[in-house]
């Protein structure tokens, strides 16, 4: 497959609402985590997270539909905590890791407090 990870990510992000309809109808949702070498890493959430049918949903619904919409060789992996379904150490994503988001929030709270003391002087 001659696509960059960024291109695949964008295509999946664009088509995800259509694919998500089935999962939503069962009380779940799909989070796009990232892409690497033609593999799409997702996480099924809501009632689909940990469901015994999650592998079937991943392969027969999500992967099948994304292959129809984007490319027939795509592979979809549901990162579910099992050793065979993990995120690789490096992958493409546009999302900010949660650790960075928490740090940014802490810095902004610190700045607010700092500014309060500076104004009082």
C-alpha atoms as a PDB file:
ATOM      1  CA  UNK A   1       0.000   0.000   0.000  1.00  0.00           C
ATOM      2  CA  UNK A   2       1.527   3.310  -1.074  1.00  0.00           C
ATOM      3  CA  UNK A   3      -0.163   5.644   1.392  1.00  0.00           C
ATOM      4  CA  UNK A   4       1.403   7.636   4.187  1.00  0.00           C
ATOM      5  CA  UNK A   5       0.152   7.044   7.724  1.00  0.00           C
ATOM      6  CA  UNK A   6      -1.126  10.634   7.792  1.00  0.00           C
ATOM      7  CA  UNK A   7      -3.226  10.054   4.640  1.00  0.00           C
ATOM      8  CA  UNK A   8      -4.759   6.884   6.039  1.00  0.00           C
ATOM      9  CA  UNK A   9      -5.462   8.609   9.354  1.00  0.00           C
ATOM     10  CA  UNK A  10      -7.242  11.478   7.583  1.00  0.00           C
ATOM     11  CA  UNK A  11      -9.320   9.087   5.461  1.00  0.00           C
ATOM     12  CA  UNK A  12     -10.352   7.034   8.489  1.00  0.00           C
ATOM     13  CA  UNK A  13     -11.170  10.172  10.470  1.00  0.00           C
ATOM     14  CA  UNK A  14     -13.350  11.351   7.570  1.00  0.00           C
ATOM     15  CA  UNK A  15     -15.235   8.033   7.222  1.00  0.00           C
ATOM     16  CA  UNK A  16     -15.420   7.111  10.915  1.00  0.00           C
ATOM     17  CA  UNK A  17     -18.874   8.652  11.538  1.00  0.00           C
ATOM     18  CA  UNK A  18     -20.394   6.310   8.924  1.00  0.00           C
ATOM     19  CA  UNK A  19     -18.616   3.271  10.355  1.00  0.00           C
ATOM     20  CA  UNK A  20     -19.492   4.332  13.897  1.00  0.00           C
ATOM     21  CA  UNK A  21     -23.251   4.183  13.235  1.00  0.00           C
ATOM     22  CA  UNK A  22     -23.465   0.416  13.820  1.00  0.00           C
ATOM     23  CA  UNK A  23     -21.350   0.549  16.963  1.00  0.00           C
ATOM     24  CA  UNK A  24     -23.396   3.508  18.278  1.00  0.00           C
ATOM     25  CA  UNK A  25     -26.593   1.505  17.777  1.00  0.00           C
ATOM     26  CA  UNK A  26     -25.232  -0.992  20.321  1.00  0.00           C
ATOM     27  CA  UNK A  27     -24.286   1.659  22.882  1.00  0.00           C
ATOM     28  CA  UNK A  28     -20.632   1.876  21.919  1.00  0.00           C
ATOM     29  CA  UNK A  29     -18.267   4.131  20.041  1.00  0.00           C
ATOM     30  CA  UNK A  30     -14.994   3.951  18.134  1.00  0.00           C
ATOM     31  CA  UNK A  31     -11.976   6.032  19.125  1.00  0.00           C
ATOM     32  CA  UNK A  32      -9.301   6.401  16.448  1.00  0.00           C
ATOM     33  CA  UNK A  33      -5.946   6.061  18.199  1.00  0.00           C
ATOM     34  CA  UNK A  34      -3.536   6.095  15.266  1.00  0.00           C
ATOM     35  CA  UNK A  35      -2.128   4.436  12.150  1.00  0.00           C
ATOM     36  CA  UNK A  36       1.095   2.699  11.200  1.00  0.00           C
ATOM     37  CA  UNK A  37       2.015   0.962   7.939  1.00  0.00           C
ATOM     38  CA  UNK A  38      -1.563   0.430   6.762  1.00  0.00           C
ATOM     39  CA  UNK A  39      -2.813  -0.695  10.158  1.00  0.00           C
ATOM     40  CA  UNK A  40      -5.458   1.347  11.919  1.00  0.00           C
ATOM     41  CA  UNK A  41      -5.518   1.275  15.711  1.00  0.00           C
ATOM     42  CA  UNK A  42      -8.885   1.893  17.353  1.00  0.00           C
ATOM     43  CA  UNK A  43     -10.466   1.442  20.741  1.00  0.00           C
ATOM     44  CA  UNK A  44     -14.048   0.302  21.123  1.00  0.00           C
ATOM     45  CA  UNK A  45     -15.642   2.168  24.012  1.00  0.00           C
ATOM     46  CA  UNK A  46     -18.983   2.199  25.802  1.00  0.00           C
ATOM     47  CA  UNK A  47     -20.818  -1.120  25.922  1.00  0.00           C
ATOM     48  CA  UNK A  48     -18.545  -2.473  23.152  1.00  0.00           C
ATOM     49  CA  UNK A  49     -15.419  -2.156  25.323  1.00  0.00           C
ATOM     50  CA  UNK A  50     -14.606  -5.641  26.589  1.00  0.00           C
ATOM     51  CA  UNK A  51     -17.617  -7.223  24.875  1.00  0.00           C
ATOM     52  CA  UNK A  52     -17.152 -10.837  23.806  1.00  0.00           C
ATOM     53  CA  UNK A  53     -18.179  -9.815  20.268  1.00  0.00           C
ATOM     54  CA  UNK A  54     -15.664  -6.944  20.004  1.00  0.00           C
ATOM     55  CA  UNK A  55     -13.281  -8.934  17.772  1.00  0.00           C
ATOM     56  CA  UNK A  56     -16.167  -9.736  15.438  1.00  0.00           C
ATOM     57  CA  UNK A  57     -17.259  -6.081  15.445  1.00  0.00           C
ATOM     58  CA  UNK A  58     -13.710  -4.946  14.685  1.00  0.00           C
ATOM     59  CA  UNK A  59     -13.175  -7.325  11.761  1.00  0.00           C
ATOM     60  CA  UNK A  60     -16.656  -7.816  10.291  1.00  0.00           C
ATOM     61  CA  UNK A  61     -17.974  -4.284  10.728  1.00  0.00           C
ATOM     62  CA  UNK A  62     -15.190  -1.723  11.167  1.00  0.00           C
ATOM     63  CA  UNK A  63     -12.449  -3.314   9.048  1.00  0.00           C
ATOM     64  CA  UNK A  64     -14.860  -4.475   6.348  1.00  0.00           C
ATOM     65  CA  UNK A  65     -16.433  -1.023   5.951  1.00  0.00           C
ATOM     66  CA  UNK A  66     -13.108   0.857   6.015  1.00  0.00           C
ATOM     67  CA  UNK A  67     -11.763  -1.511   3.377  1.00  0.00           C
ATOM     68  CA  UNK A  68     -14.777  -0.709   1.195  1.00  0.00           C
ATOM     69  CA  UNK A  69     -14.439   3.033   1.731  1.00  0.00           C
ATOM     70  CA  UNK A  70     -10.645   3.483   1.690  1.00  0.00           C
ATOM     71  CA  UNK A  71      -8.496   0.514   0.606  1.00  0.00           C
ATOM     72  CA  UNK A  72      -9.016  -3.278   0.489  1.00  0.00           C
ATOM     73  CA  UNK A  73      -5.747  -4.055   2.322  1.00  0.00           C
ATOM     74  CA  UNK A  74      -6.346  -2.044   5.495  1.00  0.00           C
ATOM     75  CA  UNK A  75      -6.002  -3.852   8.798  1.00  0.00           C
ATOM     76  CA  UNK A  76      -7.908  -2.704  11.884  1.00  0.00           C
ATOM     77  CA  UNK A  77      -6.739  -3.548  15.398  1.00  0.00           C
ATOM     78  CA  UNK A  78      -8.888  -2.930  18.467  1.00  0.00           C
ATOM     79  CA  UNK A  79      -6.452  -2.003  21.240  1.00  0.00           C
ATOM     80  CA  UNK A  80      -8.165  -3.937  24.005  1.00  0.00           C
ATOM     81  CA  UNK A  81      -5.386  -4.642  26.490  1.00  0.00           C
ATOM     82  CA  UNK A  82      -4.516  -8.105  25.207  1.00  0.00           C
ATOM     83  CA  UNK A  83      -0.857  -8.753  24.271  1.00  0.00           C
ATOM     84  CA  UNK A  84      -1.642  -9.215  20.565  1.00  0.00           C
ATOM     85  CA  UNK A  85      -3.683  -5.997  20.290  1.00  0.00           C
ATOM     86  CA  UNK A  86      -1.434  -3.190  21.489  1.00  0.00           C
ATOM     87  CA  UNK A  87      -0.380   0.131  20.050  1.00  0.00           C
ATOM     88  CA  UNK A  88       3.114   0.078  18.594  1.00  0.00           C
ATOM     89  CA  UNK A  89       5.680   2.323  20.291  1.00  0.00           C
ATOM     90  CA  UNK A  90       5.568   4.743  17.361  1.00  0.00           C
ATOM     91  CA  UNK A  91       2.497   5.516  15.267  1.00  0.00           C
ATOM     92  CA  UNK A  92       0.841   8.486  13.584  1.00  0.00           C
ATOM     93  CA  UNK A  93      -1.862  10.399  15.428  1.00  0.00           C
ATOM     94  CA  UNK A  94      -3.181  13.939  15.561  1.00  0.00           C
ATOM     95  CA  UNK A  95      -4.376  13.627  19.120  1.00  0.00           C
ATOM     96  CA  UNK A  96      -2.472  15.058  22.066  1.00  0.00           C
ATOM     97  CA  UNK A  97      -1.553  12.361  24.583  1.00  0.00           C
ATOM     98  CA  UNK A  98      -3.478  12.660  27.848  1.00  0.00           C
ATOM     99  CA  UNK A  99      -0.267  13.213  29.830  1.00  0.00           C
ATOM    100  CA  UNK A 100       0.478  16.350  27.814  1.00  0.00           C
ATOM    101  CA  UNK A 101      -3.087  17.613  28.244  1.00  0.00           C
ATOM    102  CA  UNK A 102      -2.883  17.190  32.025  1.00  0.00           C
ATOM    103  CA  UNK A 103       0.492  18.956  32.119  1.00  0.00           C
ATOM    104  CA  UNK A 104      -0.867  21.865  30.065  1.00  0.00           C
ATOM    105  CA  UNK A 105      -3.806  22.184  32.469  1.00  0.00           C
ATOM    106  CA  UNK A 106      -1.442  22.166  35.471  1.00  0.00           C
ATOM    107  CA  UNK A 107       0.708  24.868  33.904  1.00  0.00           C
ATOM    108  CA  UNK A 108      -2.302  27.063  33.196  1.00  0.00           C
ATOM    109  CA  UNK A 109      -3.573  26.661  36.780  1.00  0.00           C
ATOM    110  CA  UNK A 110      -0.107  27.502  38.056  1.00  0.00           C
ATOM    111  CA  UNK A 111      -0.008  30.603  35.860  1.00  0.00           C
ATOM    112  CA  UNK A 112      -3.422  31.724  37.127  1.00  0.00           C
ATOM    113  CA  UNK A 113      -2.328  31.421  40.748  1.00  0.00           C
ATOM    114  CA  UNK A 114       0.957  33.130  39.998  1.00  0.00           C
ATOM    115  CA  UNK A 115      -0.887  36.002  38.331  1.00  0.00           C
ATOM    116  CA  UNK A 116      -3.200  36.387  41.329  1.00  0.00           C
ATOM    117  CA  UNK A 117      -0.217  36.939  43.663  1.00  0.00           C
ATOM    118  CA  UNK A 118       1.508  39.289  41.260  1.00  0.00           C
ATOM    119  CA  UNK A 119      -1.623  41.496  41.092  1.00  0.00           C
ATOM    120  CA  UNK A 120      -1.921  41.658  44.888  1.00  0.00           C
ATOM    121  CA  UNK A 121       1.560  43.169  45.343  1.00  0.00           C
END
